[in-house]
């Protein structure tokens, strides 16, 4: 019997004689343990799980992760998964980002930087100011004084 490239193949399931479908080549299969409180050994057998929502409800998967912030420090967070959509990142628009305080903050910083860059690219006067070193230094001083005023107003 020749081994197929894809480890999930059309081989029959020994218990039910069902066939396991091939995974499309443009799909990714991710298998991991999303709970840290499981003891190694015999897995728990649960009979009343009928669908994926029941599995999420019963097992309540979560994982402790350590993110690295801009300064190189560690940020601990527990990611919880209640449905399949909780694994989706979708370029920062998915539930994985929404459900994480750290990832939401990173996305907000990225979005703000993109807006500022777009404003600079569209503003010809500002582009001209930023081209000259002297003008750039003056603009920096003005922005720093405005920032100081805003911080004092808090």
C-alpha atoms as a PDB file:
ATOM      1  CA  UNK A   1       0.000   0.000   0.000  1.00  0.00           C
ATOM      2  CA  UNK A   2       1.547   3.296  -1.106  1.00  0.00           C
ATOM      3  CA  UNK A   3       1.619   6.214   1.343  1.00  0.00           C
ATOM      4  CA  UNK A   4      -0.104   9.360   0.089  1.00  0.00           C
ATOM      5  CA  UNK A   5       1.440  12.830   0.462  1.00  0.00           C
ATOM      6  CA  UNK A   6      -1.375  14.017   2.665  1.00  0.00           C
ATOM      7  CA  UNK A   7      -1.440  12.128   5.969  1.00  0.00           C
ATOM      8  CA  UNK A   8      -5.222  12.472   6.124  1.00  0.00           C
ATOM      9  CA  UNK A   9      -6.236  10.301   3.244  1.00  0.00           C
ATOM     10  CA  UNK A  10      -9.108   8.202   1.947  1.00  0.00           C
ATOM     11  CA  UNK A  11      -8.141   5.367   4.309  1.00  0.00           C
ATOM     12  CA  UNK A  12     -11.217   3.802   5.944  1.00  0.00           C
ATOM     13  CA  UNK A  13     -11.918   4.438   9.607  1.00  0.00           C
ATOM     14  CA  UNK A  14     -11.454   1.083  11.392  1.00  0.00           C
ATOM     15  CA  UNK A  15     -14.487   1.459  13.654  1.00  0.00           C
ATOM     16  CA  UNK A  16     -17.109   2.911  11.335  1.00  0.00           C
ATOM     17  CA  UNK A  17     -15.839   2.072   7.840  1.00  0.00           C
ATOM     18  CA  UNK A  18     -16.238   5.785   7.052  1.00  0.00           C
ATOM     19  CA  UNK A  19     -13.780   7.507   4.779  1.00  0.00           C
ATOM     20  CA  UNK A  20     -11.729  10.462   5.961  1.00  0.00           C
ATOM     21  CA  UNK A  21     -11.711  13.269   3.410  1.00  0.00           C
ATOM     22  CA  UNK A  22      -8.555  14.716   1.957  1.00  0.00           C
ATOM     23  CA  UNK A  23      -7.584  18.171   3.112  1.00  0.00           C
ATOM     24  CA  UNK A  24      -7.492  20.587   0.194  1.00  0.00           C
ATOM     25  CA  UNK A  25      -3.986  21.756  -0.700  1.00  0.00           C
ATOM     26  CA  UNK A  26      -4.976  25.391  -0.036  1.00  0.00           C
ATOM     27  CA  UNK A  27      -6.082  24.567   3.545  1.00  0.00           C
ATOM     28  CA  UNK A  28      -4.074  24.362   6.734  1.00  0.00           C
ATOM     29  CA  UNK A  29      -4.727  21.778   9.413  1.00  0.00           C
ATOM     30  CA  UNK A  30      -3.629  22.975  12.822  1.00  0.00           C
ATOM     31  CA  UNK A  31      -3.552  20.480  15.642  1.00  0.00           C
ATOM     32  CA  UNK A  32      -2.505  21.659  19.074  1.00  0.00           C
ATOM     33  CA  UNK A  33      -3.445  21.403  22.703  1.00  0.00           C
ATOM     34  CA  UNK A  34      -5.343  24.512  23.803  1.00  0.00           C
ATOM     35  CA  UNK A  35      -5.654  23.647  27.449  1.00  0.00           C
ATOM     36  CA  UNK A  36      -2.895  23.428  30.024  1.00  0.00           C
ATOM     37  CA  UNK A  37      -4.841  21.559  32.690  1.00  0.00           C
ATOM     38  CA  UNK A  38      -4.943  18.139  30.988  1.00  0.00           C
ATOM     39  CA  UNK A  39      -3.022  15.276  32.552  1.00  0.00           C
ATOM     40  CA  UNK A  40      -1.043  13.034  30.188  1.00  0.00           C
ATOM     41  CA  UNK A  41      -2.316   9.499  29.820  1.00  0.00           C
ATOM     42  CA  UNK A  42      -5.700   8.169  28.885  1.00  0.00           C
ATOM     43  CA  UNK A  43      -7.887  10.863  27.314  1.00  0.00           C
ATOM     44  CA  UNK A  44     -11.307  11.614  28.760  1.00  0.00           C
ATOM     45  CA  UNK A  45     -14.140   9.944  26.830  1.00  0.00           C
ATOM     46  CA  UNK A  46     -17.257  12.105  26.668  1.00  0.00           C
ATOM     47  CA  UNK A  47     -20.373  10.661  25.026  1.00  0.00           C
ATOM     48  CA  UNK A  48     -22.811  13.586  25.120  1.00  0.00           C
ATOM     49  CA  UNK A  49     -20.890  15.857  22.745  1.00  0.00           C
ATOM     50  CA  UNK A  50     -22.852  16.077  19.495  1.00  0.00           C
ATOM     51  CA  UNK A  51     -21.220  19.034  17.729  1.00  0.00           C
ATOM     52  CA  UNK A  52     -18.317  21.470  17.918  1.00  0.00           C
ATOM     53  CA  UNK A  53     -20.241  23.902  20.140  1.00  0.00           C
ATOM     54  CA  UNK A  54     -20.788  21.121  22.684  1.00  0.00           C
ATOM     55  CA  UNK A  55     -17.056  20.389  22.618  1.00  0.00           C
ATOM     56  CA  UNK A  56     -16.194  24.056  23.290  1.00  0.00           C
ATOM     57  CA  UNK A  57     -18.782  24.178  26.082  1.00  0.00           C
ATOM     58  CA  UNK A  58     -17.492  21.015  27.733  1.00  0.00           C
ATOM     59  CA  UNK A  59     -13.719  21.506  27.419  1.00  0.00           C
ATOM     60  CA  UNK A  60     -13.588  25.350  27.598  1.00  0.00           C
ATOM     61  CA  UNK A  61     -10.218  25.511  25.819  1.00  0.00           C
ATOM     62  CA  UNK A  62      -7.783  28.198  26.884  1.00  0.00           C
ATOM     63  CA  UNK A  63      -4.065  28.713  26.636  1.00  0.00           C
ATOM     64  CA  UNK A  64      -1.608  30.913  28.519  1.00  0.00           C
ATOM     65  CA  UNK A  65       0.605  32.870  26.150  1.00  0.00           C
ATOM     66  CA  UNK A  66       3.489  35.266  26.577  1.00  0.00           C
ATOM     67  CA  UNK A  67       3.641  38.180  24.157  1.00  0.00           C
ATOM     68  CA  UNK A  68       6.662  40.439  23.723  1.00  0.00           C
ATOM     69  CA  UNK A  69       5.874  44.154  23.843  1.00  0.00           C
ATOM     70  CA  UNK A  70       7.678  47.001  22.030  1.00  0.00           C
ATOM     71  CA  UNK A  71      10.279  47.354  24.795  1.00  0.00           C
ATOM     72  CA  UNK A  72      11.028  43.613  24.760  1.00  0.00           C
ATOM     73  CA  UNK A  73       9.127  42.900  27.961  1.00  0.00           C
ATOM     74  CA  UNK A  74       6.902  39.910  28.517  1.00  0.00           C
ATOM     75  CA  UNK A  75       3.120  40.306  28.618  1.00  0.00           C
ATOM     76  CA  UNK A  76       1.228  37.312  30.018  1.00  0.00           C
ATOM     77  CA  UNK A  77      -2.321  36.673  28.807  1.00  0.00           C
ATOM     78  CA  UNK A  78      -4.801  33.811  28.771  1.00  0.00           C
ATOM     79  CA  UNK A  79      -6.573  33.319  25.449  1.00  0.00           C
ATOM     80  CA  UNK A  80      -9.965  31.632  25.753  1.00  0.00           C
ATOM     81  CA  UNK A  81     -11.783  29.936  22.895  1.00  0.00           C
ATOM     82  CA  UNK A  82     -15.567  29.559  22.877  1.00  0.00           C
ATOM     83  CA  UNK A  83     -16.124  28.917  19.178  1.00  0.00           C
ATOM     84  CA  UNK A  84     -14.133  28.284  15.999  1.00  0.00           C
ATOM     85  CA  UNK A  85     -14.234  31.983  15.096  1.00  0.00           C
ATOM     86  CA  UNK A  86     -12.153  32.726  18.208  1.00  0.00           C
ATOM     87  CA  UNK A  87      -9.130  31.311  16.356  1.00  0.00           C
ATOM     88  CA  UNK A  88      -9.463  33.720  13.400  1.00  0.00           C
ATOM     89  CA  UNK A  89      -7.091  36.657  13.075  1.00  0.00           C
ATOM     90  CA  UNK A  90      -8.337  37.940   9.658  1.00  0.00           C
ATOM     91  CA  UNK A  91      -5.736  40.671   9.386  1.00  0.00           C
ATOM     92  CA  UNK A  92      -6.587  42.003  12.831  1.00  0.00           C
ATOM     93  CA  UNK A  93     -10.356  41.961  12.357  1.00  0.00           C
ATOM     94  CA  UNK A  94     -11.037  38.485  13.757  1.00  0.00           C
ATOM     95  CA  UNK A  95     -12.042  37.336  17.213  1.00  0.00           C
ATOM     96  CA  UNK A  96      -8.494  36.315  18.148  1.00  0.00           C
ATOM     97  CA  UNK A  97      -7.472  39.975  18.138  1.00  0.00           C
ATOM     98  CA  UNK A  98     -10.752  41.258  19.607  1.00  0.00           C
ATOM     99  CA  UNK A  99     -10.578  38.823  22.534  1.00  0.00           C
ATOM    100  CA  UNK A 100      -6.990  39.734  23.427  1.00  0.00           C
ATOM    101  CA  UNK A 101      -6.235  43.008  25.204  1.00  0.00           C
ATOM    102  CA  UNK A 102      -2.600  42.914  24.070  1.00  0.00           C
ATOM    103  CA  UNK A 103      -3.345  42.146  20.402  1.00  0.00           C
ATOM    104  CA  UNK A 104      -6.109  44.791  20.345  1.00  0.00           C
ATOM    105  CA  UNK A 105      -3.622  47.378  21.593  1.00  0.00           C
ATOM    106  CA  UNK A 106      -1.061  46.392  18.969  1.00  0.00           C
ATOM    107  CA  UNK A 107      -3.712  46.609  16.236  1.00  0.00           C
ATOM    108  CA  UNK A 108      -4.766  50.051  17.464  1.00  0.00           C
ATOM    109  CA  UNK A 109      -1.146  51.263  17.289  1.00  0.00           C
ATOM    110  CA  UNK A 110      -0.753  49.854  13.778  1.00  0.00           C
ATOM    111  CA  UNK A 111      -4.006  51.481  12.621  1.00  0.00           C
ATOM    112  CA  UNK A 112      -2.982  54.847  14.110  1.00  0.00           C
ATOM    113  CA  UNK A 113       0.426  54.708  12.438  1.00  0.00           C
ATOM    114  CA  UNK A 114      -1.206  53.856   9.101  1.00  0.00           C
ATOM    115  CA  UNK A 115      -3.586  56.833   9.405  1.00  0.00           C
ATOM    116  CA  UNK A 116      -0.724  59.202  10.206  1.00  0.00           C
ATOM    117  CA  UNK A 117       1.334  57.892   7.291  1.00  0.00           C
ATOM    118  CA  UNK A 118      -1.622  58.277   4.915  1.00  0.00           C
ATOM    119  CA  UNK A 119      -2.200  61.856   6.121  1.00  0.00           C
ATOM    120  CA  UNK A 120       1.449  62.722   5.542  1.00  0.00           C
ATOM    121  CA  UNK A 121       1.412  61.181   2.066  1.00  0.00           C
ATOM    122  CA  UNK A 122      -1.707  63.176   1.114  1.00  0.00           C
ATOM    123  CA  UNK A 123      -0.589  66.521   2.579  1.00  0.00           C
ATOM    124  CA  UNK A 124       1.879  68.201   0.209  1.00  0.00           C
ATOM    125  CA  UNK A 125       2.797  71.024   2.600  1.00  0.00           C
ATOM    126  CA  UNK A 126       3.584  68.578   5.379  1.00  0.00           C
ATOM    127  CA  UNK A 127       5.683  66.442   3.004  1.00  0.00           C
ATOM    128  CA  UNK A 128       7.675  69.546   2.028  1.00  0.00           C
ATOM    129  CA  UNK A 129       8.251  70.426   5.696  1.00  0.00           C
ATOM    130  CA  UNK A 130       9.473  66.923   6.447  1.00  0.00           C
ATOM    131  CA  UNK A 131      11.959  67.008   3.544  1.00  0.00           C
ATOM    132  CA  UNK A 132      14.042  69.787   5.153  1.00  0.00           C
ATOM    133  CA  UNK A 133      15.965  69.005   8.349  1.00  0.00           C
ATOM    134  CA  UNK A 134      15.413  72.492   9.871  1.00  0.00           C
ATOM    135  CA  UNK A 135      11.682  72.469   9.215  1.00  0.00           C
ATOM    136  CA  UNK A 136      11.442  68.922  10.509  1.00  0.00           C
ATOM    137  CA  UNK A 137      13.120  69.927  13.806  1.00  0.00           C
ATOM    138  CA  UNK A 138      10.733  72.891  14.214  1.00  0.00           C
ATOM    139  CA  UNK A 139       7.717  70.686  13.569  1.00  0.00           C
ATOM    140  CA  UNK A 140       9.008  68.198  16.123  1.00  0.00           C
ATOM    141  CA  UNK A 141       9.305  70.944  18.758  1.00  0.00           C
ATOM    142  CA  UNK A 142       5.776  72.185  18.044  1.00  0.00           C
ATOM    143  CA  UNK A 143       4.341  68.667  18.285  1.00  0.00           C
ATOM    144  CA  UNK A 144       6.216  67.986  21.530  1.00  0.00           C
ATOM    145  CA  UNK A 145       4.893  71.206  23.085  1.00  0.00           C
ATOM    146  CA  UNK A 146       1.342  70.303  21.992  1.00  0.00           C
ATOM    147  CA  UNK A 147       1.762  66.857  23.517  1.00  0.00           C
ATOM    148  CA  UNK A 148       3.010  68.388  26.778  1.00  0.00           C
ATOM    149  CA  UNK A 149      -0.032  70.701  26.864  1.00  0.00           C
ATOM    150  CA  UNK A 150      -2.377  67.760  26.298  1.00  0.00           C
ATOM    151  CA  UNK A 151      -0.739  65.756  29.073  1.00  0.00           C
ATOM    152  CA  UNK A 152      -1.038  68.707  31.486  1.00  0.00           C
ATOM    153  CA  UNK A 153      -4.733  69.075  30.609  1.00  0.00           C
ATOM    154  CA  UNK A 154      -5.457  65.525  31.792  1.00  0.00           C
END
